């Protein structure tokens, strides 16, 4: 058995055990209401932390000028997502605006 498997198998079991522990724990214990309400905002906070730097930074520097096609694409995607609640339309609109603005500024 190679040393790679010696590392991967215990780490896989550890990861599975950690996730399973939450499933088993929440089956027997209910967190306080304030924790439950706060956990509803975790996905929004995580996604915001991922996509805001991608939209606002260009080549490692802050770019909020009209020369940033990602900014326009992000704004269009936010509007389309808000109105349609469709991931497909959100991605399509964001990409279309990105390509159009990138083509216009070149």
Protein backbone atom coordinates (compact mmCIF):
# COMPACT_ATOMS: atom_id res chain seq x y z
CA UNK A 1 0.00 0.00 0.00
CA UNK A 2 1.48 3.32 -1.00
CA UNK A 3 1.95 6.13 1.47
CA UNK A 4 -0.75 8.14 -0.31
CA UNK A 5 -3.45 5.64 0.69
CA UNK A 6 -2.10 5.54 4.24
CA UNK A 7 -2.93 9.24 4.45
CA UNK A 8 -6.12 9.33 2.35
CA UNK A 9 -8.04 6.55 4.11
CA UNK A 10 -7.71 7.95 7.67
CA UNK A 11 -8.45 11.49 6.48
CA UNK A 12 -11.51 10.27 4.57
CA UNK A 13 -12.76 8.41 7.64
CA UNK A 14 -12.11 11.46 9.80
CA UNK A 15 -14.03 13.72 7.42
CA UNK A 16 -16.93 11.27 7.24
CA UNK A 17 -16.94 10.93 11.03
CA UNK A 18 -17.05 14.70 11.53
CA UNK A 19 -19.99 15.10 9.18
CA UNK A 20 -21.82 12.12 10.62
CA UNK A 21 -21.38 13.46 14.14
CA UNK A 22 -23.40 16.57 13.26
CA UNK A 23 -26.19 14.47 11.79
CA UNK A 24 -26.32 12.26 14.87
CA UNK A 25 -25.95 15.20 17.26
CA UNK A 26 -28.78 17.23 15.73
CA UNK A 27 -31.01 14.17 15.88
CA UNK A 28 -30.84 14.21 19.70
CA UNK A 29 -30.19 17.88 20.49
CA UNK A 30 -31.83 21.01 19.16
CA UNK A 31 -29.73 24.17 19.20
CA UNK A 32 -31.17 27.35 20.73
CA UNK A 33 -33.45 29.44 18.54
CA UNK A 34 -30.87 32.23 18.21
CA UNK A 35 -28.35 29.75 16.76
CA UNK A 36 -30.90 28.35 14.34
CA UNK A 37 -31.81 31.83 13.12
CA UNK A 38 -28.14 32.80 12.75
CA UNK A 39 -27.32 29.67 10.74
CA UNK A 40 -29.79 30.73 8.02
CA UNK A 41 -27.38 33.54 7.07
CA UNK A 42 -24.27 31.37 6.74
CA UNK A 43 -24.71 30.46 3.03
CA UNK A 44 -25.26 34.10 2.06
CA UNK A 45 -22.21 35.23 4.04
CA UNK A 46 -19.99 32.52 2.58
CA UNK A 47 -21.07 33.15 -1.01
CA UNK A 48 -20.61 36.90 -0.56
CA UNK A 49 -17.10 36.37 0.77
CA UNK A 50 -16.31 34.29 -2.31
CA UNK A 51 -17.77 36.40 -5.12
CA UNK A 52 -17.23 40.01 -3.95
CA UNK A 53 -13.42 39.83 -4.22
CA UNK A 54 -13.79 38.13 -7.60
CA UNK A 55 -16.03 40.95 -8.85
CA UNK A 56 -14.22 43.91 -7.29
CA UNK A 57 -10.58 42.89 -7.79
CA UNK A 58 -8.89 42.88 -11.14
CA UNK A 59 -5.22 41.83 -11.31
CA UNK A 60 -5.01 42.09 -7.53
CA UNK A 61 -6.20 45.69 -7.23
CA UNK A 62 -9.59 47.22 -6.48
CA UNK A 63 -11.38 48.18 -9.69
CA UNK A 64 -14.74 49.90 -9.47
CA UNK A 65 -14.30 51.86 -12.67
CA UNK A 66 -16.42 51.35 -15.77
CA UNK A 67 -13.48 49.37 -17.18
CA UNK A 68 -14.34 46.39 -14.98
CA UNK A 69 -16.67 44.04 -16.90
CA UNK A 70 -16.95 41.75 -13.87
CA UNK A 71 -18.63 44.53 -11.89
CA UNK A 72 -21.34 45.02 -14.53
CA UNK A 73 -21.79 41.25 -14.93
CA UNK A 74 -22.13 40.82 -11.17
CA UNK A 75 -24.71 43.58 -10.90
CA UNK A 76 -26.69 42.14 -13.80
CA UNK A 77 -26.53 38.66 -12.28
CA UNK A 78 -27.73 39.98 -8.92
CA UNK A 79 -30.71 41.70 -10.55
CA UNK A 80 -31.63 38.68 -12.65
CA UNK A 81 -31.30 36.33 -9.66
CA UNK A 82 -33.48 38.60 -7.57
CA UNK A 83 -36.20 38.84 -10.23
CA UNK A 84 -36.21 35.29 -11.66
CA UNK A 85 -34.83 33.11 -8.83
CA UNK A 86 -33.31 30.99 -11.63
CA UNK A 87 -29.67 29.92 -11.56
CA UNK A 88 -29.65 29.30 -15.33
CA UNK A 89 -30.92 32.78 -16.18
CA UNK A 90 -28.57 34.34 -13.63
CA UNK A 91 -25.52 32.68 -15.17
CA UNK A 92 -26.65 33.44 -18.72
CA UNK A 93 -27.29 37.11 -17.98
CA UNK A 94 -24.03 37.52 -16.08
CA UNK A 95 -22.00 35.94 -18.87
CA UNK A 96 -23.79 37.92 -21.59
CA UNK A 97 -23.19 41.23 -19.81
CA UNK A 98 -19.57 40.27 -19.08
CA UNK A 99 -18.86 39.43 -22.72
CA UNK A 100 -20.67 42.55 -23.98
CA UNK A 101 -18.84 44.94 -21.64
CA UNK A 102 -15.49 43.23 -22.28
CA UNK A 103 -16.07 43.56 -26.01
CA UNK A 104 -17.11 47.22 -25.70
CA UNK A 105 -14.07 48.32 -23.69
CA UNK A 106 -11.53 46.70 -26.04
